[in-house]
N, C-alpha and C. Protein backbone atom coordinates (compact mmCIF):
# COMPACT_ATOMS: atom_id res chain seq x y z
N MET A 1 42.74 123.76 -10.68
CA MET A 1 42.59 123.77 -12.15
C MET A 1 43.93 124.61 -12.60
N MET A 2 44.21 125.70 -12.02
CA MET A 2 45.40 126.55 -12.49
C MET A 2 46.67 125.64 -12.39
N LYS A 3 46.86 124.90 -11.39
CA LYS A 3 47.93 124.11 -10.97
C LYS A 3 48.10 123.06 -12.20
N GLN A 4 47.04 122.50 -12.63
CA GLN A 4 46.96 121.54 -13.74
C GLN A 4 47.36 122.19 -15.08
N ALA A 5 46.98 123.34 -15.34
CA ALA A 5 47.45 124.07 -16.56
C ALA A 5 48.86 124.36 -16.45
N GLN A 6 49.32 124.87 -15.29
CA GLN A 6 50.73 125.14 -15.10
C GLN A 6 51.55 123.98 -15.28
N ALA A 7 51.22 122.84 -14.76
CA ALA A 7 51.87 121.45 -14.88
C ALA A 7 52.12 121.11 -16.28
N ALA A 8 50.96 121.26 -17.04
CA ALA A 8 50.94 121.05 -18.52
C ALA A 8 51.78 121.78 -19.38
N GLN A 9 52.05 123.05 -18.91
CA GLN A 9 52.87 124.02 -19.66
C GLN A 9 54.53 123.69 -19.48
N ARG A 10 54.74 122.96 -18.40
CA ARG A 10 56.13 122.78 -18.02
C ARG A 10 56.72 121.85 -19.25
N PRO A 11 58.00 122.26 -19.50
CA PRO A 11 58.56 121.26 -20.61
C PRO A 11 58.68 119.93 -20.00
N GLN A 12 58.49 118.85 -20.96
CA GLN A 12 58.54 117.56 -20.66
C GLN A 12 59.91 117.15 -21.07
N PRO A 13 60.45 116.16 -20.33
CA PRO A 13 61.78 115.53 -20.76
C PRO A 13 61.52 114.80 -22.16
N PRO A 14 62.54 114.88 -23.02
CA PRO A 14 62.38 114.24 -24.33
C PRO A 14 62.27 112.70 -24.05
N ALA A 15 61.50 112.13 -25.04
CA ALA A 15 61.32 110.62 -25.03
C ALA A 15 62.81 109.99 -25.27
N LEU A 16 63.04 108.98 -24.57
CA LEU A 16 64.29 108.22 -24.66
C LEU A 16 64.42 107.46 -25.85
N ARG A 17 65.53 107.50 -26.48
CA ARG A 17 65.71 106.62 -27.71
C ARG A 17 65.91 105.23 -27.16
N PRO A 18 65.64 104.22 -27.99
CA PRO A 18 65.76 102.90 -27.58
C PRO A 18 67.06 102.46 -27.04
N GLU A 19 68.16 103.04 -27.51
CA GLU A 19 69.58 102.76 -27.05
C GLU A 19 69.78 103.24 -25.72
N GLU A 20 68.88 104.33 -25.31
CA GLU A 20 69.05 104.92 -23.98
C GLU A 20 68.22 104.28 -22.90
N CYS A 21 67.33 103.37 -23.38
CA CYS A 21 66.27 102.79 -22.47
C CYS A 21 66.98 101.75 -21.41
N ALA A 22 66.58 101.91 -20.26
CA ALA A 22 66.98 100.90 -19.25
C ALA A 22 65.96 99.68 -19.40
N PRO A 23 66.62 98.51 -19.67
CA PRO A 23 65.70 97.35 -19.82
C PRO A 23 65.13 96.98 -18.55
N ASP A 24 63.91 96.50 -18.75
CA ASP A 24 63.14 95.94 -17.57
C ASP A 24 63.84 94.72 -17.01
N LYS A 25 63.87 94.52 -15.70
CA LYS A 25 64.47 93.46 -15.07
C LYS A 25 63.44 92.28 -15.34
N ALA A 26 63.73 91.42 -16.12
CA ALA A 26 62.84 90.23 -16.60
C ALA A 26 63.33 88.99 -15.98
N GLU A 27 62.35 88.20 -15.71
CA GLU A 27 62.58 86.88 -14.99
C GLU A 27 61.58 85.93 -15.55
N VAL A 28 61.95 84.63 -15.84
CA VAL A 28 61.18 83.69 -16.33
C VAL A 28 61.05 82.52 -15.40
N LYS A 29 59.80 82.00 -15.01
CA LYS A 29 59.77 80.89 -14.08
C LYS A 29 58.77 79.84 -14.71
N ARG A 30 59.17 78.65 -14.68
CA ARG A 30 58.35 77.57 -15.05
C ARG A 30 57.15 77.39 -14.12
N THR A 31 55.99 77.29 -14.71
CA THR A 31 54.69 77.23 -13.92
C THR A 31 54.48 75.75 -13.33
N GLY A 32 55.08 74.70 -14.01
CA GLY A 32 54.76 73.26 -13.67
C GLY A 32 53.46 72.77 -14.37
N LYS A 33 52.69 73.61 -15.05
CA LYS A 33 51.54 73.32 -15.89
C LYS A 33 51.93 72.88 -17.26
N ASN A 34 51.25 71.93 -17.89
CA ASN A 34 51.33 71.53 -19.29
C ASN A 34 49.95 71.48 -19.93
N ILE A 35 49.85 71.93 -21.22
CA ILE A 35 48.66 71.96 -21.92
C ILE A 35 48.99 71.52 -23.24
N SER A 36 47.84 71.25 -24.19
CA SER A 36 47.97 70.92 -25.54
C SER A 36 47.52 72.05 -26.32
N VAL A 37 48.22 72.58 -27.24
CA VAL A 37 47.90 73.63 -28.19
C VAL A 37 48.17 73.20 -29.59
N ALA A 38 47.12 73.29 -30.48
CA ALA A 38 47.30 72.99 -31.81
C ALA A 38 47.87 71.50 -31.97
N GLY A 39 47.49 70.55 -31.10
CA GLY A 39 47.88 69.27 -31.13
C GLY A 39 49.34 68.98 -30.53
N TYR A 40 50.01 70.08 -29.95
CA TYR A 40 51.38 69.93 -29.56
C TYR A 40 51.37 70.10 -27.97
N ASP A 41 52.17 69.27 -27.29
CA ASP A 41 52.34 69.45 -25.90
C ASP A 41 53.15 70.67 -25.59
N ALA A 42 52.71 71.49 -24.55
CA ALA A 42 53.44 72.62 -24.32
C ALA A 42 53.66 72.81 -22.75
N THR A 43 54.69 73.39 -22.38
CA THR A 43 55.10 73.65 -20.94
C THR A 43 54.82 75.22 -20.74
N GLY A 44 54.23 75.47 -19.51
CA GLY A 44 53.98 76.88 -19.17
C GLY A 44 55.03 77.53 -18.38
N TYR A 45 55.21 78.89 -18.65
CA TYR A 45 56.34 79.67 -18.11
C TYR A 45 55.56 81.01 -17.70
N GLU A 46 55.89 81.70 -16.53
CA GLU A 46 55.42 83.00 -16.38
C GLU A 46 56.59 83.94 -16.47
N VAL A 47 56.28 85.03 -17.17
CA VAL A 47 57.29 86.06 -17.34
C VAL A 47 56.97 87.21 -16.23
N PHE A 48 58.04 87.64 -15.56
CA PHE A 48 57.90 88.92 -14.69
C PHE A 48 58.71 90.03 -15.15
N ALA A 49 58.22 91.20 -15.09
CA ALA A 49 58.97 92.37 -15.53
C ALA A 49 59.02 93.21 -14.21
N ASN A 50 60.26 93.50 -13.78
CA ASN A 50 60.51 94.30 -12.62
C ASN A 50 59.73 93.73 -11.30
N GLY A 51 59.76 92.39 -11.32
CA GLY A 51 59.13 91.78 -10.12
C GLY A 51 57.58 91.57 -10.29
N LYS A 52 56.96 92.06 -11.29
CA LYS A 52 55.44 91.94 -11.36
C LYS A 52 55.08 90.97 -12.56
N PRO A 53 54.10 90.17 -12.51
CA PRO A 53 53.61 89.38 -13.49
C PRO A 53 53.31 90.18 -14.79
N ASP A 54 53.94 89.65 -15.88
CA ASP A 54 53.78 90.39 -17.16
C ASP A 54 53.16 89.58 -18.26
N SER A 55 53.50 88.27 -18.27
CA SER A 55 52.82 87.47 -19.29
C SER A 55 53.05 85.89 -18.89
N GLU A 56 52.30 85.18 -19.69
CA GLU A 56 52.48 83.60 -19.65
C GLU A 56 52.84 83.20 -20.98
N VAL A 57 53.55 82.23 -21.14
CA VAL A 57 53.96 81.66 -22.37
C VAL A 57 54.01 80.20 -22.24
N TRP A 58 53.52 79.53 -23.38
CA TRP A 58 53.61 77.91 -23.45
C TRP A 58 54.52 77.58 -24.58
N ILE A 59 55.47 76.81 -24.22
CA ILE A 59 56.46 76.35 -25.28
C ILE A 59 56.31 74.91 -25.60
N ALA A 60 56.28 74.61 -26.79
CA ALA A 60 56.05 73.24 -27.47
C ALA A 60 57.43 72.78 -28.01
N PRO A 61 57.99 71.87 -27.25
CA PRO A 61 59.36 71.25 -27.69
C PRO A 61 59.41 70.65 -29.04
N ALA A 62 58.20 70.11 -29.55
CA ALA A 62 58.17 69.43 -30.77
C ALA A 62 58.25 70.34 -31.99
N ILE A 63 58.03 71.64 -31.79
CA ILE A 63 58.18 72.63 -32.98
C ILE A 63 59.61 73.25 -32.82
N THR A 64 60.36 72.79 -33.89
CA THR A 64 61.80 73.21 -33.67
C THR A 64 62.34 74.33 -34.62
N ALA A 65 61.25 75.18 -35.17
CA ALA A 65 61.55 76.16 -36.00
C ALA A 65 62.80 77.09 -35.64
N VAL A 66 62.87 77.47 -34.35
CA VAL A 66 63.83 78.35 -33.89
C VAL A 66 65.30 77.88 -34.12
N ARG A 67 65.44 76.64 -34.37
CA ARG A 67 66.78 76.06 -34.58
C ARG A 67 67.28 76.51 -35.87
N GLU A 68 66.37 77.08 -36.79
CA GLU A 68 66.80 77.57 -38.21
C GLU A 68 67.22 79.07 -38.17
N ILE A 69 67.12 79.65 -36.91
CA ILE A 69 67.38 81.10 -36.76
C ILE A 69 68.95 81.31 -36.32
N ASP A 70 69.56 82.01 -37.09
CA ASP A 70 71.00 82.34 -36.67
C ASP A 70 71.04 83.35 -35.55
N PRO A 71 71.47 83.03 -34.30
CA PRO A 71 71.43 83.96 -33.21
C PRO A 71 72.21 85.31 -33.54
N GLN A 72 73.36 85.27 -34.03
CA GLN A 72 74.13 86.49 -34.48
C GLN A 72 73.28 87.40 -35.30
N LYS A 73 72.72 86.78 -36.42
CA LYS A 73 71.92 87.66 -37.27
C LYS A 73 70.69 88.28 -36.64
N LEU A 74 70.11 87.50 -35.69
CA LEU A 74 69.01 87.99 -34.83
C LEU A 74 69.44 89.13 -34.10
N GLU A 75 70.56 89.05 -33.51
CA GLU A 75 71.15 90.11 -32.61
C GLU A 75 71.40 91.28 -33.35
N ARG A 76 71.94 91.20 -34.63
CA ARG A 76 72.10 92.30 -35.42
C ARG A 76 70.83 93.03 -35.86
N LEU A 77 69.90 92.13 -36.26
CA LEU A 77 68.55 92.64 -36.64
C LEU A 77 67.95 93.55 -35.51
N VAL A 78 67.98 93.00 -34.25
CA VAL A 78 67.43 93.65 -33.11
C VAL A 78 68.22 95.06 -32.85
N LYS A 79 69.41 95.04 -33.00
CA LYS A 79 70.27 96.26 -32.80
C LYS A 79 69.85 97.44 -33.82
N GLU A 80 69.58 96.90 -35.14
CA GLU A 80 69.26 97.78 -36.12
C GLU A 80 67.74 98.33 -35.91
N MET A 81 66.94 97.44 -35.40
CA MET A 81 65.58 97.76 -35.17
C MET A 81 65.52 98.78 -34.10
N LEU A 82 66.26 98.64 -33.04
CA LEU A 82 66.32 99.55 -31.81
C LEU A 82 66.85 100.96 -32.22
N LYS A 83 67.78 101.01 -33.16
CA LYS A 83 68.26 102.29 -33.61
C LYS A 83 67.20 103.03 -34.35
N ALA A 84 66.31 102.25 -35.16
CA ALA A 84 65.32 102.89 -36.02
C ALA A 84 63.99 103.26 -35.23
N LEU A 85 63.79 102.89 -34.02
CA LEU A 85 62.60 103.13 -33.20
C LEU A 85 62.72 104.63 -32.77
N PRO A 86 61.54 105.22 -32.77
CA PRO A 86 61.46 106.64 -32.26
C PRO A 86 61.48 106.75 -30.72
N GLN A 87 61.14 105.83 -29.94
CA GLN A 87 61.19 105.80 -28.55
C GLN A 87 61.42 104.34 -28.02
N CYS A 88 61.48 104.11 -26.67
CA CYS A 88 61.68 102.90 -26.08
C CYS A 88 60.51 101.98 -26.41
N PRO A 89 60.76 100.77 -26.78
CA PRO A 89 59.75 99.72 -26.93
C PRO A 89 59.32 99.10 -25.75
N PRO A 90 57.94 98.70 -25.57
CA PRO A 90 57.62 98.00 -24.41
C PRO A 90 58.28 96.63 -24.37
N ARG A 91 58.47 96.05 -23.26
CA ARG A 91 59.15 94.72 -23.20
C ARG A 91 58.29 93.76 -23.90
N GLY A 92 58.89 92.81 -24.56
CA GLY A 92 58.17 91.86 -25.30
C GLY A 92 57.71 92.27 -26.70
N GLN A 93 57.94 93.45 -27.13
CA GLN A 93 57.50 93.77 -28.46
C GLN A 93 58.51 93.88 -29.50
N LEU A 94 59.61 93.46 -29.10
CA LEU A 94 60.85 93.59 -30.11
C LEU A 94 61.40 92.20 -30.11
N LEU A 95 61.37 91.60 -31.24
CA LEU A 95 62.04 90.18 -31.47
C LEU A 95 63.39 90.13 -30.90
N GLY A 96 63.79 89.21 -30.23
CA GLY A 96 64.99 89.02 -29.64
C GLY A 96 65.31 89.74 -28.26
N ALA A 97 64.55 90.74 -28.04
CA ALA A 97 64.81 91.53 -26.74
C ALA A 97 63.95 90.81 -25.56
N ASP A 98 62.93 90.13 -25.98
CA ASP A 98 62.08 89.47 -24.97
C ASP A 98 62.81 88.21 -24.32
N PRO A 99 62.62 88.12 -23.06
CA PRO A 99 63.26 86.92 -22.46
C PRO A 99 62.72 85.62 -22.91
N VAL A 100 61.55 85.64 -23.38
CA VAL A 100 61.01 84.49 -24.01
C VAL A 100 61.78 83.86 -25.06
N TRP A 101 62.47 84.70 -25.77
CA TRP A 101 63.41 84.11 -26.75
C TRP A 101 64.56 83.27 -26.32
N LYS A 102 64.78 83.33 -25.08
CA LYS A 102 65.82 82.39 -24.45
C LYS A 102 65.14 81.12 -24.28
N LEU A 103 63.87 81.03 -24.02
CA LEU A 103 63.22 79.74 -23.82
C LEU A 103 63.01 79.07 -25.27
N MET A 104 63.18 79.76 -26.32
CA MET A 104 62.95 79.18 -27.59
C MET A 104 64.03 77.99 -27.98
N LYS A 105 65.07 78.08 -27.17
CA LYS A 105 66.06 76.94 -27.53
C LYS A 105 65.43 75.68 -27.07
N ASP A 106 64.32 75.54 -26.19
CA ASP A 106 63.62 74.47 -25.78
C ASP A 106 62.39 74.11 -26.63
N GLY A 107 62.03 75.11 -27.59
CA GLY A 107 60.81 74.80 -28.49
C GLY A 107 60.29 76.14 -28.84
N TYR A 108 59.02 76.13 -29.41
CA TYR A 108 58.27 77.38 -29.99
C TYR A 108 57.10 77.83 -29.03
N PRO A 109 56.98 79.10 -28.90
CA PRO A 109 55.92 79.54 -28.23
C PRO A 109 54.60 79.39 -28.96
N VAL A 110 53.77 78.43 -28.40
CA VAL A 110 52.46 78.27 -29.04
C VAL A 110 51.32 79.04 -28.49
N ARG A 111 51.45 79.58 -27.33
CA ARG A 111 50.44 80.30 -26.75
C ARG A 111 51.09 81.39 -25.75
N SER A 112 50.65 82.62 -25.86
CA SER A 112 51.00 83.62 -24.92
C SER A 112 49.86 84.51 -24.40
N ILE A 113 49.95 84.95 -23.20
CA ILE A 113 48.90 85.87 -22.79
C ILE A 113 49.55 86.94 -22.12
N GLU A 114 49.31 88.14 -22.52
CA GLU A 114 49.87 89.38 -21.98
C GLU A 114 48.98 89.79 -20.89
N LYS A 115 49.47 90.06 -19.62
CA LYS A 115 48.67 90.42 -18.43
C LYS A 115 47.94 91.83 -18.65
N ALA A 116 48.77 92.74 -19.18
CA ALA A 116 48.25 94.17 -19.43
C ALA A 116 47.35 94.10 -20.69
N GLY A 117 46.15 94.10 -20.66
CA GLY A 117 45.20 94.06 -21.81
C GLY A 117 44.72 92.67 -22.12
N GLY A 118 45.28 91.60 -21.62
CA GLY A 118 44.71 90.33 -21.83
C GLY A 118 44.87 89.70 -23.15
N THR A 119 45.83 90.36 -24.18
CA THR A 119 46.03 89.74 -25.36
C THR A 119 46.62 88.37 -25.32
N VAL A 120 45.77 87.43 -26.06
CA VAL A 120 46.13 86.09 -26.21
C VAL A 120 46.60 85.79 -27.67
N THR A 121 47.77 85.19 -27.88
CA THR A 121 48.33 84.81 -29.17
C THR A 121 48.39 83.36 -29.06
N GLU A 122 47.87 82.68 -29.95
CA GLU A 122 47.97 81.23 -30.07
C GLU A 122 48.10 80.58 -31.58
N VAL A 123 49.04 79.47 -31.57
CA VAL A 123 49.22 78.83 -32.79
C VAL A 123 47.99 77.97 -33.02
N VAL A 124 47.51 78.06 -34.21
CA VAL A 124 46.31 77.08 -34.45
C VAL A 124 46.66 76.02 -35.49
N LYS A 125 47.90 76.28 -36.24
CA LYS A 125 48.35 75.16 -37.18
C LYS A 125 49.94 75.21 -37.18
N ALA A 126 50.68 74.29 -37.13
CA ALA A 126 52.15 74.37 -37.31
C ALA A 126 52.42 73.10 -38.13
N GLU A 127 53.33 73.30 -39.27
CA GLU A 127 53.75 72.29 -40.00
C GLU A 127 55.26 72.55 -40.44
N SER A 128 55.94 71.39 -40.76
CA SER A 128 57.33 71.54 -41.29
C SER A 128 57.13 71.10 -42.74
N ARG A 129 57.60 71.95 -43.71
CA ARG A 129 57.56 71.65 -45.10
C ARG A 129 58.73 72.47 -45.73
N SER A 130 59.10 72.09 -46.90
CA SER A 130 60.01 72.70 -47.74
C SER A 130 59.43 73.89 -48.46
N LEU A 131 60.22 74.90 -48.66
CA LEU A 131 59.71 76.08 -49.34
C LEU A 131 60.48 76.39 -50.54
N GLY A 132 59.80 76.65 -51.64
CA GLY A 132 60.54 76.96 -52.98
C GLY A 132 61.13 78.29 -52.95
N ALA A 133 61.96 78.58 -53.78
CA ALA A 133 62.64 79.78 -53.90
C ALA A 133 61.76 80.92 -54.17
N ALA A 134 60.66 80.72 -55.03
CA ALA A 134 59.54 81.69 -55.30
C ALA A 134 58.96 82.28 -54.12
N GLU A 135 58.84 81.56 -53.09
CA GLU A 135 58.29 82.05 -51.68
C GLU A 135 59.11 83.32 -51.12
N PHE A 136 60.31 83.37 -51.53
CA PHE A 136 61.24 84.37 -51.09
C PHE A 136 61.41 85.45 -52.15
N GLN A 137 60.82 85.54 -53.17
CA GLN A 137 60.88 86.63 -54.15
C GLN A 137 59.99 87.91 -53.69
N ALA A 138 60.64 89.09 -53.86
CA ALA A 138 59.84 90.28 -53.53
C ALA A 138 58.68 90.47 -54.41
N PRO A 139 57.48 90.95 -53.99
CA PRO A 139 56.43 91.12 -54.71
C PRO A 139 56.54 92.22 -55.75
N ALA A 140 55.74 92.27 -56.71
CA ALA A 140 55.78 93.31 -57.83
C ALA A 140 55.49 94.63 -57.01
N GLY A 141 56.18 95.73 -57.45
CA GLY A 141 55.99 97.06 -56.83
C GLY A 141 56.89 97.11 -55.66
N PHE A 142 57.47 96.19 -55.20
CA PHE A 142 58.33 96.31 -54.01
C PHE A 142 59.40 97.50 -54.17
N ALA A 143 59.64 98.24 -53.04
CA ALA A 143 60.72 99.32 -53.11
C ALA A 143 61.44 99.25 -51.87
N ARG A 144 62.64 99.14 -51.90
CA ARG A 144 63.40 99.14 -50.58
C ARG A 144 63.56 100.48 -50.03
N LYS A 145 63.26 100.38 -48.61
CA LYS A 145 63.19 101.71 -47.78
C LYS A 145 64.00 101.53 -46.58
N PRO A 146 64.59 102.56 -45.97
CA PRO A 146 65.31 102.35 -44.79
C PRO A 146 64.52 101.89 -43.59
N LEU A 147 65.08 100.93 -42.76
CA LEU A 147 64.28 100.44 -41.66
C LEU A 147 63.56 101.63 -40.84
N SER A 148 64.51 102.74 -40.63
CA SER A 148 64.07 103.74 -39.76
C SER A 148 62.86 104.42 -40.30
N GLU A 149 62.62 104.44 -41.66
CA GLU A 149 61.44 105.08 -42.30
C GLU A 149 60.22 104.23 -42.03
N LEU A 150 60.47 102.82 -42.07
CA LEU A 150 59.38 102.00 -41.82
C LEU A 150 58.83 102.02 -40.38
N MET A 151 59.72 102.21 -39.46
CA MET A 151 59.45 102.06 -38.02
C MET A 151 59.18 103.42 -37.47
N GLY A 152 59.13 104.49 -38.10
CA GLY A 152 58.75 105.85 -37.61
C GLY A 152 59.87 106.61 -36.99
N GLY A 153 61.02 106.28 -37.20
CA GLY A 153 62.28 106.88 -36.53
C GLY A 153 62.68 107.95 -37.60
N LYS A 154 64.04 108.40 -37.26
CA LYS A 154 64.71 109.44 -38.15
C LYS A 154 64.99 108.92 -39.44
């Protein structure tokens, strides 16, 4: 009991800032399985982090939304988000940093299963339609805040 108390009193190393984090060694492998999700044919992939199964993802080639994303803008967004985080994000929790984003050139992820915790995310409806300018107007009472404030950083 005394050893536990002494260990708890030892100074702990400070949490790493995201820019100091060593990324997981991630690998994506096609499973060879195909399913239908929300009416779309999807191809299965397994994601490994540091050699261990991390998640499964199903990509639907018929959903082409990712082609509307500018990769350079996405990279800048991710860099700014990393600066604003108070500590290292888990793999897969930050847009653009996840290896699944590389698969999105082939389609959209319509189903994902996280091995730790078993969280399942699944598309239930997808449609392509035009959006009016009003869809992009800030709501009443909107106030601009620094990203770091919103994400709990400095």
